Amino acid sequence: MRIDYIEPFLDAASSVLRDMLLVEDIQMGSPGLKSINQKIKGVSVIVGLAGSVEGSIVIDMDIATALFVASKLNFEEYTDFDDEETKEMVAATLTEVGNIIAGNFVTTLHAKGFIFDITPPAFIYGENMKISNKGSEALIVPFTLPDGKIIEVNIAIRERV
């Protein structure tokens, strides 16, 4: 992964999470690289990257954190992920968060002369599900909220050949 992708990605993820959740003391953990054949925590949003690059941005969290984020952003408390209406609100809210993070990232890189686009976000959930992006490693960055909840933001990106 090119080094000039990393800082704009970290800036986009941290500023969007802080601004949207209205929480200043979100702690960004140490970034690390992982194989992209990993089990999701329970709820994930995936935004594809296309154009001169290929890859994806994944926002991954457990169900309790997803309910917390949706509650915070919609000013309404969601507690039961098994309720279909709640699930739809959580999906709509989190896909918008993913879209904004990816949009900020791509906008910053467009200003630096990189040309690529994002796909509409996809929402997935479930137990024992894995995300795979053949032949790529992902930069994984955990963000810890003040109450200990963790949101992992991942990016796997490579030049299109």
C-alpha atoms as a PDB file:
ATOM      1  CA  MET A   1       0.000   0.000   0.000  1.00  0.00           C
ATOM      2  CA  ARG A   2       1.323   3.416  -0.934  1.00  0.00           C
ATOM      3  CA  ILE A   3       2.310   5.582   1.994  1.00  0.00           C
ATOM      4  CA  ASP A   4       0.504   8.590   0.504  1.00  0.00           C
ATOM      5  CA  TYR A   5      -2.827   6.763   0.920  1.00  0.00           C
ATOM      6  CA  ILE A   6      -2.384   6.119   4.633  1.00  0.00           C
ATOM      7  CA  GLU A   7      -2.482   9.626   6.139  1.00  0.00           C
ATOM      8  CA  PRO A   8      -5.587  10.774   4.175  1.00  0.00           C
ATOM      9  CA  PHE A   9      -7.328   7.539   5.152  1.00  0.00           C
ATOM     10  CA  LEU A  10      -6.509   7.937   8.858  1.00  0.00           C
ATOM     11  CA  ASP A  11      -7.510  11.615   8.769  1.00  0.00           C
ATOM     12  CA  ALA A  12     -10.842  10.839   7.072  1.00  0.00           C
ATOM     13  CA  ALA A  13     -11.713   8.008   9.449  1.00  0.00           C
ATOM     14  CA  SER A  14     -10.791   9.835  12.656  1.00  0.00           C
ATOM     15  CA  SER A  15     -12.382  13.174  11.745  1.00  0.00           C
ATOM     16  CA  VAL A  16     -15.647  11.614  10.518  1.00  0.00           C
ATOM     17  CA  LEU A  17     -16.004   9.431  13.619  1.00  0.00           C
ATOM     18  CA  ARG A  18     -15.226  12.336  15.962  1.00  0.00           C
ATOM     19  CA  ASP A  19     -17.518  14.773  14.154  1.00  0.00           C
ATOM     20  CA  MET A  20     -20.448  12.416  13.654  1.00  0.00           C
ATOM     21  CA  LEU A  21     -20.388  10.859  17.118  1.00  0.00           C
ATOM     22  CA  LEU A  22     -19.640  14.215  18.785  1.00  0.00           C
ATOM     23  CA  VAL A  23     -16.921  12.563  20.847  1.00  0.00           C
ATOM     24  CA  GLU A  24     -13.517  14.220  21.064  1.00  0.00           C
ATOM     25  CA  ASP A  25     -11.718  11.518  23.004  1.00  0.00           C
ATOM     26  CA  ILE A  26     -11.923   8.679  20.493  1.00  0.00           C
ATOM     27  CA  GLN A  27      -8.564   6.925  20.710  1.00  0.00           C
ATOM     28  CA  MET A  28      -6.949   5.804  17.473  1.00  0.00           C
ATOM     29  CA  GLY A  29      -5.005   2.613  18.088  1.00  0.00           C
ATOM     30  CA  SER A  30      -1.843   1.541  16.336  1.00  0.00           C
ATOM     31  CA  PRO A  31      -2.404   0.725  12.669  1.00  0.00           C
ATOM     32  CA  GLY A  32      -1.464  -2.773  11.627  1.00  0.00           C
ATOM     33  CA  LEU A  33      -1.489  -4.937   8.522  1.00  0.00           C
ATOM     34  CA  LYS A  34      -3.625  -8.057   8.289  1.00  0.00           C
ATOM     35  CA  SER A  35      -4.546 -10.537   5.632  1.00  0.00           C
ATOM     36  CA  ILE A  36      -7.913  -9.708   4.147  1.00  0.00           C
ATOM     37  CA  ASN A  37      -9.342 -13.090   4.947  1.00  0.00           C
ATOM     38  CA  GLN A  38     -10.732 -12.147   8.309  1.00  0.00           C
ATOM     39  CA  LYS A  39     -13.834 -12.797  10.343  1.00  0.00           C
ATOM     40  CA  ILE A  40     -16.091  -9.783  10.834  1.00  0.00           C
ATOM     41  CA  LYS A  41     -17.010  -8.677  14.344  1.00  0.00           C
ATOM     42  CA  GLY A  42     -20.741  -8.868  13.635  1.00  0.00           C
ATOM     43  CA  VAL A  43     -21.611  -5.801  11.540  1.00  0.00           C
ATOM     44  CA  SER A  44     -19.610  -4.357   8.642  1.00  0.00           C
ATOM     45  CA  VAL A  45     -19.948  -1.740   5.944  1.00  0.00           C
ATOM     46  CA  ILE A  46     -17.913  -2.231   2.781  1.00  0.00           C
ATOM     47  CA  VAL A  47     -17.191   0.539   0.272  1.00  0.00           C
ATOM     48  CA  GLY A  48     -15.373  -0.468  -2.904  1.00  0.00           C
ATOM     49  CA  LEU A  49     -12.618   1.593  -4.511  1.00  0.00           C
ATOM     50  CA  ALA A  50     -12.401   1.603  -8.310  1.00  0.00           C
ATOM     51  CA  GLY A  51     -10.618   3.383 -11.139  1.00  0.00           C
ATOM     52  CA  SER A  52      -6.829   3.584 -11.184  1.00  0.00           C
ATOM     53  CA  VAL A  53      -6.860   1.543  -7.967  1.00  0.00           C
ATOM     54  CA  GLU A  54      -8.833  -1.391  -6.677  1.00  0.00           C
ATOM     55  CA  GLY A  55      -9.708  -2.244  -3.138  1.00  0.00           C
ATOM     56  CA  SER A  56     -12.131  -1.558  -0.341  1.00  0.00           C
ATOM     57  CA  ILE A  57     -12.761   0.280   2.876  1.00  0.00           C
ATOM     58  CA  VAL A  58     -14.407  -1.744   5.655  1.00  0.00           C
ATOM     59  CA  ILE A  59     -15.927  -0.370   8.842  1.00  0.00           C
ATOM     60  CA  ASP A  60     -16.281  -3.279  11.267  1.00  0.00           C
ATOM     61  CA  MET A  61     -17.808  -3.479  14.754  1.00  0.00           C
ATOM     62  CA  ASP A  62     -19.806  -5.721  17.025  1.00  0.00           C
ATOM     63  CA  ILE A  63     -23.585  -5.455  17.208  1.00  0.00           C
ATOM     64  CA  ALA A  64     -23.589  -3.528  20.520  1.00  0.00           C
ATOM     65  CA  THR A  65     -21.322  -0.874  18.993  1.00  0.00           C
ATOM     66  CA  ALA A  66     -23.468  -0.706  15.838  1.00  0.00           C
ATOM     67  CA  LEU A  67     -26.564  -0.115  17.977  1.00  0.00           C
ATOM     68  CA  PHE A  68     -24.702   2.561  19.967  1.00  0.00           C
ATOM     69  CA  VAL A  69     -23.520   4.400  16.826  1.00  0.00           C
ATOM     70  CA  ALA A  70     -26.979   4.312  15.220  1.00  0.00           C
ATOM     71  CA  SER A  71     -28.564   5.492  18.478  1.00  0.00           C
ATOM     72  CA  LYS A  72     -26.104   8.357  18.824  1.00  0.00           C
ATOM     73  CA  LEU A  73     -26.494   9.548  15.225  1.00  0.00           C
ATOM     74  CA  ASN A  74     -30.284   9.239  15.080  1.00  0.00           C
ATOM     75  CA  PHE A  75     -31.001  10.616  18.576  1.00  0.00           C
ATOM     76  CA  GLU A  76     -33.062   7.518  19.290  1.00  0.00           C
ATOM     77  CA  GLU A  77     -32.155   4.479  21.355  1.00  0.00           C
ATOM     78  CA  TYR A  78     -31.854   1.173  19.498  1.00  0.00           C
ATOM     79  CA  THR A  79     -31.435  -1.945  21.623  1.00  0.00           C
ATOM     80  CA  ASP A  80     -32.784  -4.916  19.654  1.00  0.00           C
ATOM     81  CA  PHE A  81     -30.877  -5.819  16.487  1.00  0.00           C
ATOM     82  CA  ASP A  82     -33.348  -8.658  15.833  1.00  0.00           C
ATOM     83  CA  ASP A  83     -36.080  -6.075  15.196  1.00  0.00           C
ATOM     84  CA  GLU A  84     -36.278  -5.502  11.401  1.00  0.00           C
ATOM     85  CA  GLU A  85     -36.970  -1.775  11.676  1.00  0.00           C
ATOM     86  CA  THR A  86     -33.961  -1.340  13.956  1.00  0.00           C
ATOM     87  CA  LYS A  87     -31.791  -3.401  11.619  1.00  0.00           C
ATOM     88  CA  GLU A  88     -32.817  -1.163   8.695  1.00  0.00           C
ATOM     89  CA  MET A  89     -32.002   2.011  10.654  1.00  0.00           C
ATOM     90  CA  VAL A  90     -28.637   0.623  11.750  1.00  0.00           C
ATOM     91  CA  ALA A  91     -27.851  -0.371   8.148  1.00  0.00           C
ATOM     92  CA  ALA A  92     -28.860   3.033   6.761  1.00  0.00           C
ATOM     93  CA  THR A  93     -26.886   4.890   9.416  1.00  0.00           C
ATOM     94  CA  LEU A  94     -23.704   2.850   9.168  1.00  0.00           C
ATOM     95  CA  THR A  95     -23.654   2.806   5.362  1.00  0.00           C
ATOM     96  CA  GLU A  96     -23.842   6.592   5.462  1.00  0.00           C
ATOM     97  CA  VAL A  97     -20.889   6.709   7.878  1.00  0.00           C
ATOM     98  CA  GLY A  98     -18.932   4.448   5.519  1.00  0.00           C
ATOM     99  CA  ASN A  99     -19.895   6.568   2.535  1.00  0.00           C
ATOM    100  CA  ILE A 100     -18.742   9.766   4.256  1.00  0.00           C
ATOM    101  CA  ILE A 101     -15.399   8.278   5.359  1.00  0.00           C
ATOM    102  CA  ALA A 102     -14.743   6.932   1.845  1.00  0.00           C
ATOM    103  CA  GLY A 103     -15.904  10.180   0.229  1.00  0.00           C
ATOM    104  CA  ASN A 104     -13.596  12.304   2.391  1.00  0.00           C
ATOM    105  CA  PHE A 105     -10.682   9.960   1.661  1.00  0.00           C
ATOM    106  CA  VAL A 106     -11.235  10.027  -2.111  1.00  0.00           C
ATOM    107  CA  THR A 107     -11.796  13.803  -2.162  1.00  0.00           C
ATOM    108  CA  THR A 108      -8.461  14.379  -0.414  1.00  0.00           C
ATOM    109  CA  LEU A 109      -6.661  12.129  -2.880  1.00  0.00           C
ATOM    110  CA  HIS A 110      -8.379  13.728  -5.897  1.00  0.00           C
ATOM    111  CA  ALA A 111      -6.889  17.048  -4.758  1.00  0.00           C
ATOM    112  CA  LYS A 112      -3.466  15.365  -4.930  1.00  0.00           C
ATOM    113  CA  GLY A 113      -4.044  14.144  -8.492  1.00  0.00           C
ATOM    114  CA  PHE A 114      -5.197  10.580  -7.824  1.00  0.00           C
ATOM    115  CA  ILE A 115      -8.247   9.571  -9.818  1.00  0.00           C
ATOM    116  CA  PHE A 116     -10.522   6.877  -8.478  1.00  0.00           C
ATOM    117  CA  ASP A 117     -14.070   6.473  -7.287  1.00  0.00           C
ATOM    118  CA  ILE A 118     -16.128   4.698  -4.655  1.00  0.00           C
ATOM    119  CA  THR A 119     -18.952   2.202  -5.001  1.00  0.00           C
ATOM    120  CA  PRO A 120     -22.188   2.401  -3.038  1.00  0.00           C
ATOM    121  CA  PRO A 121     -21.698   0.963   0.452  1.00  0.00           C
ATOM    122  CA  ALA A 122     -22.828  -2.566   1.298  1.00  0.00           C
ATOM    123  CA  PHE A 123     -24.021  -3.605   4.761  1.00  0.00           C
ATOM    124  CA  ILE A 124     -23.331  -7.121   6.018  1.00  0.00           C
ATOM    125  CA  TYR A 125     -23.931  -8.760   9.353  1.00  0.00           C
ATOM    126  CA  GLY A 126     -23.850 -12.164  10.925  1.00  0.00           C
ATOM    127  CA  GLU A 127     -21.776 -14.627  12.877  1.00  0.00           C
ATOM    128  CA  ASN A 128     -18.833 -16.528  11.414  1.00  0.00           C
ATOM    129  CA  MET A 129     -18.714 -14.404   8.251  1.00  0.00           C
ATOM    130  CA  LYS A 130     -15.409 -13.559   6.590  1.00  0.00           C
ATOM    131  CA  ILE A 131     -14.321 -10.777   4.276  1.00  0.00           C
ATOM    132  CA  SER A 132     -11.804 -11.723   1.626  1.00  0.00           C
ATOM    133  CA  ASN A 133      -9.959  -9.616  -0.925  1.00  0.00           C
ATOM    134  CA  LYS A 134      -7.655 -11.998  -2.738  1.00  0.00           C
ATOM    135  CA  GLY A 135      -4.011 -11.035  -2.772  1.00  0.00           C
ATOM    136  CA  SER A 136      -4.310  -7.936  -0.579  1.00  0.00           C
ATOM    137  CA  GLU A 137      -3.393  -6.926   2.900  1.00  0.00           C
ATOM    138  CA  ALA A 138      -5.436  -4.390   4.791  1.00  0.00           C
ATOM    139  CA  LEU A 139      -4.355  -1.548   6.995  1.00  0.00           C
ATOM    140  CA  ILE A 140      -6.446  -2.098  10.138  1.00  0.00           C
ATOM    141  CA  VAL A 141      -6.991   0.829  12.499  1.00  0.00           C
ATOM    142  CA  PRO A 142      -8.968   0.364  15.737  1.00  0.00           C
ATOM    143  CA  PHE A 143     -10.787   3.367  17.169  1.00  0.00           C
ATOM    144  CA  THR A 144     -11.772   3.027  20.824  1.00  0.00           C
ATOM    145  CA  LEU A 145     -14.726   5.030  22.094  1.00  0.00           C
ATOM    146  CA  PRO A 146     -14.710   6.397  25.671  1.00  0.00           C
ATOM    147  CA  ASP A 147     -16.844   3.494  26.921  1.00  0.00           C
ATOM    148  CA  GLY A 148     -14.460   0.898  25.465  1.00  0.00           C
ATOM    149  CA  LYS A 149     -16.448   0.088  22.326  1.00  0.00           C
ATOM    150  CA  ILE A 150     -14.209  -0.502  19.299  1.00  0.00           C
ATOM    151  CA  ILE A 151     -14.751   0.420  15.663  1.00  0.00           C
ATOM    152  CA  GLU A 152     -12.190  -1.034  13.269  1.00  0.00           C
ATOM    153  CA  VAL A 153     -11.652   0.840  10.033  1.00  0.00           C
ATOM    154  CA  ASN A 154      -9.769  -1.097   7.364  1.00  0.00           C
ATOM    155  CA  ILE A 155      -8.469  -0.243   3.922  1.00  0.00           C
ATOM    156  CA  ALA A 156      -7.062  -2.553   1.281  1.00  0.00           C
ATOM    157  CA  ILE A 157      -5.944  -0.673  -1.814  1.00  0.00           C
ATOM    158  CA  ARG A 158      -3.576  -1.394  -4.665  1.00  0.00           C
ATOM    159  CA  GLU A 159      -2.772   0.048  -8.052  1.00  0.00           C
ATOM    160  CA  ARG A 160      -4.756  -1.480 -10.886  1.00  0.00           C
ATOM    161  CA  VAL A 161      -2.468  -3.334 -13.286  1.00  0.00           C
END
